[in-house]
Amino acid sequence: MSGMPYHPAAVALQTLFTLATETEREIARGMGINPTDFRALSALELAGPLTVGRLADELGATAATTTGIVNRLESRGYVVRHRGTDDRRQVQVSATPASAEGIMALMRPLMTATDQHLQALPAAEQKAVTDFLDAAQHLMRSHLRTLSEKDTR
């Protein structure tokens, strides 16, 4: 993006996306799993229990591939399978406390440093940062929907 007429904050945000991807890769490595399995674990942490089919949709993977991912994560103690109470044929997968603990153990130093930096800012600047990040998330979700819709056409 060198030489492009973008605001420095937009360029910094793009750099942050790249760093986030690298950070996820290192967290996955630290947990002894691959980046794809980490993406699945993250989806389960965010969404709560999902069926393998729904998790496959979230990942853009096949049910067979996702079953392999779930098997690997289950063998490490990061997810559990449980049958539905209403329909015993329905099997859902959920993240275990060990997965959240593993992720937080690796993320805590960054989260703490970020929190301390933000808390040190004046209230108006904290609000500006929060508003900007909220807007960036909204723009990113909108862009992802646009990209996904292009894939289905």
Protein backbone atom coordinates (compact mmCIF):
# COMPACT_ATOMS: atom_id res chain seq x y z
CA MET A 1 0.00 0.00 0.00
CA SER A 2 3.07 2.22 -0.23
CA GLY A 3 2.38 5.55 -1.90
CA MET A 4 -1.40 5.09 -1.70
CA PRO A 5 -3.41 8.13 -0.65
CA TYR A 6 -4.88 6.52 2.47
CA HIS A 7 -5.13 8.09 5.90
CA PRO A 8 -2.30 6.93 8.21
CA ALA A 9 -4.89 5.39 10.54
CA ALA A 10 -6.27 3.26 7.67
CA VAL A 11 -2.74 2.07 6.87
CA ALA A 12 -2.09 1.36 10.57
CA LEU A 13 -5.31 -0.64 10.76
CA GLN A 14 -4.27 -2.75 7.75
CA THR A 15 -0.94 -3.40 9.46
CA LEU A 16 -2.84 -4.39 12.61
CA PHE A 17 -4.82 -6.96 10.59
CA THR A 18 -1.57 -8.51 9.41
CA LEU A 19 -0.18 -8.57 12.95
CA ALA A 20 -3.41 -10.13 14.23
CA THR A 21 -3.03 -12.97 11.74
CA GLU A 22 0.58 -13.51 12.82
CA THR A 23 -0.48 -13.40 16.49
CA GLU A 24 -3.18 -16.02 15.90
CA ARG A 25 -0.59 -18.26 14.24
CA GLU A 26 1.74 -17.94 17.24
CA ILE A 27 -1.08 -18.54 19.74
CA ALA A 28 -2.04 -21.67 17.81
CA ARG A 29 1.59 -22.82 17.88
CA GLY A 30 1.77 -22.12 21.61
CA MET A 31 -1.33 -24.25 22.15
CA GLY A 32 0.07 -27.07 20.03
CA ILE A 33 -2.53 -26.76 17.26
CA ASN A 34 -2.51 -25.54 13.69
CA PRO A 35 -3.99 -22.17 12.59
CA THR A 36 -7.08 -23.78 11.04
CA ASP A 37 -7.86 -25.62 14.26
CA PHE A 38 -7.34 -22.36 16.15
CA ARG A 39 -9.85 -20.62 13.86
CA ALA A 40 -12.38 -23.33 14.71
CA LEU A 41 -11.66 -22.99 18.41
CA SER A 42 -12.03 -19.21 18.18
CA ALA A 43 -15.37 -19.61 16.40
CA LEU A 44 -16.58 -21.87 19.19
CA GLU A 45 -15.33 -19.45 21.85
CA LEU A 46 -17.26 -16.60 20.20
CA ALA A 47 -20.44 -18.40 19.14
CA GLY A 48 -20.87 -20.96 21.87
CA PRO A 49 -21.89 -24.53 21.13
CA LEU A 50 -22.33 -25.32 17.43
CA THR A 51 -23.11 -28.41 15.42
CA VAL A 52 -20.29 -29.67 13.23
CA GLY A 53 -22.31 -28.56 10.21
CA ARG A 54 -22.73 -25.03 11.53
CA LEU A 55 -19.05 -24.87 12.50
CA ALA A 56 -18.19 -26.04 8.97
CA ASP A 57 -20.27 -23.16 7.60
CA GLU A 58 -18.46 -20.71 9.89
CA LEU A 59 -15.09 -22.00 8.65
CA GLY A 60 -16.06 -22.37 5.00
CA ALA A 61 -15.05 -26.03 5.20
CA THR A 62 -16.71 -29.36 4.54
CA ALA A 63 -18.36 -31.35 7.33
CA ALA A 64 -15.72 -34.08 6.90
CA THR A 65 -12.85 -31.61 7.25
CA THR A 66 -14.53 -30.01 10.26
CA THR A 67 -15.04 -33.40 11.90
CA GLY A 68 -11.28 -33.94 11.63
CA ILE A 69 -10.67 -30.53 13.19
CA VAL A 70 -13.08 -31.33 16.04
CA ASN A 71 -11.40 -34.71 16.57
CA ARG A 72 -7.97 -33.06 16.90
CA LEU A 73 -9.26 -30.37 19.25
CA GLU A 74 -11.11 -32.94 21.34
CA SER A 75 -7.98 -35.08 21.66
CA ARG A 76 -6.17 -32.03 23.12
CA GLY A 77 -9.01 -31.31 25.56
CA TYR A 78 -10.00 -28.03 23.88
CA VAL A 79 -13.54 -29.07 22.83
CA VAL A 80 -16.22 -31.52 23.90
CA ARG A 81 -19.13 -33.02 22.05
CA HIS A 82 -22.53 -33.25 23.71
CA ARG A 83 -25.91 -34.46 22.57
CA GLY A 84 -28.89 -32.14 22.43
CA THR A 85 -31.44 -32.45 25.21
CA ASP A 86 -34.43 -32.20 22.87
CA ASP A 87 -33.00 -34.23 19.99
CA ARG A 88 -30.40 -36.80 21.05
CA ARG A 89 -29.29 -37.15 17.42
CA GLN A 90 -28.15 -33.53 17.45
CA VAL A 91 -24.50 -33.32 18.49
CA GLN A 92 -23.03 -29.98 19.42
CA VAL A 93 -19.42 -29.03 19.99
CA SER A 94 -18.31 -26.51 22.58
CA ALA A 95 -15.00 -25.12 23.75
CA THR A 96 -13.76 -26.27 27.15
CA PRO A 97 -12.49 -24.02 29.93
CA ALA A 98 -9.00 -25.31 29.06
CA SER A 99 -9.25 -23.67 25.63
CA ALA A 100 -10.16 -20.27 27.05
CA GLU A 101 -7.41 -20.61 29.66
CA GLY A 102 -4.87 -21.53 26.97
CA ILE A 103 -5.82 -18.59 24.79
CA MET A 104 -5.89 -16.12 27.68
CA ALA A 105 -2.55 -17.30 29.05
CA LEU A 106 -1.00 -16.34 25.72
CA MET A 107 -3.07 -13.16 25.17
CA ARG A 108 -3.06 -11.77 28.72
CA PRO A 109 0.20 -9.78 28.38
CA LEU A 110 -1.06 -8.01 25.25
CA MET A 111 -4.55 -7.44 26.69
CA THR A 112 -3.10 -6.04 29.92
CA ALA A 113 -0.67 -3.72 28.12
CA THR A 114 -3.42 -2.52 25.77
CA ASP A 115 -5.81 -1.93 28.66
CA GLN A 116 -3.17 0.02 30.59
CA HIS A 117 -2.38 2.16 27.55
CA LEU A 118 -6.05 2.93 26.95
CA GLN A 119 -6.77 3.64 30.62
CA ALA A 120 -3.95 6.19 30.64
CA LEU A 121 -5.59 8.21 27.86
CA PRO A 122 -7.95 11.09 28.65
CA ALA A 123 -11.63 10.04 28.59
CA ALA A 124 -12.31 11.85 25.29
CA GLU A 125 -9.46 10.00 23.59
CA GLN A 126 -10.63 6.67 25.03
CA LYS A 127 -14.06 7.35 23.53
CA ALA A 128 -12.53 8.33 20.17
CA VAL A 129 -10.51 5.11 20.05
CA THR A 130 -13.57 3.03 21.00
CA ASP A 131 -15.74 4.80 18.42
CA PHE A 132 -13.11 4.30 15.71
CA LEU A 133 -12.72 0.59 16.50
CA ASP A 134 -16.51 0.13 16.55
CA ALA A 135 -16.74 1.81 13.14
CA ALA A 136 -13.83 -0.27 11.81
CA GLN A 137 -15.58 -3.47 12.95
CA HIS A 138 -18.79 -2.38 11.24
CA LEU A 139 -16.92 -1.59 8.02
CA MET A 140 -15.07 -4.91 8.17
CA ARG A 141 -18.30 -6.89 8.68
CA SER A 142 -19.93 -5.05 5.80
CA HIS A 143 -16.93 -5.72 3.56
CA LEU A 144 -16.92 -9.41 4.54
CA ARG A 145 -20.61 -9.68 3.64
CA THR A 146 -19.87 -8.06 0.28
CA LEU A 147 -17.02 -10.49 -0.37
CA SER A 148 -19.14 -13.46 0.70
CA GLU A 149 -21.99 -12.40 -1.57
CA LYS A 150 -19.57 -12.26 -4.51
CA ASP A 151 -18.61 -15.89 -3.78
CA THR A 152 -22.25 -17.02 -3.99
CA ARG A 153 -22.98 -15.38 -7.34
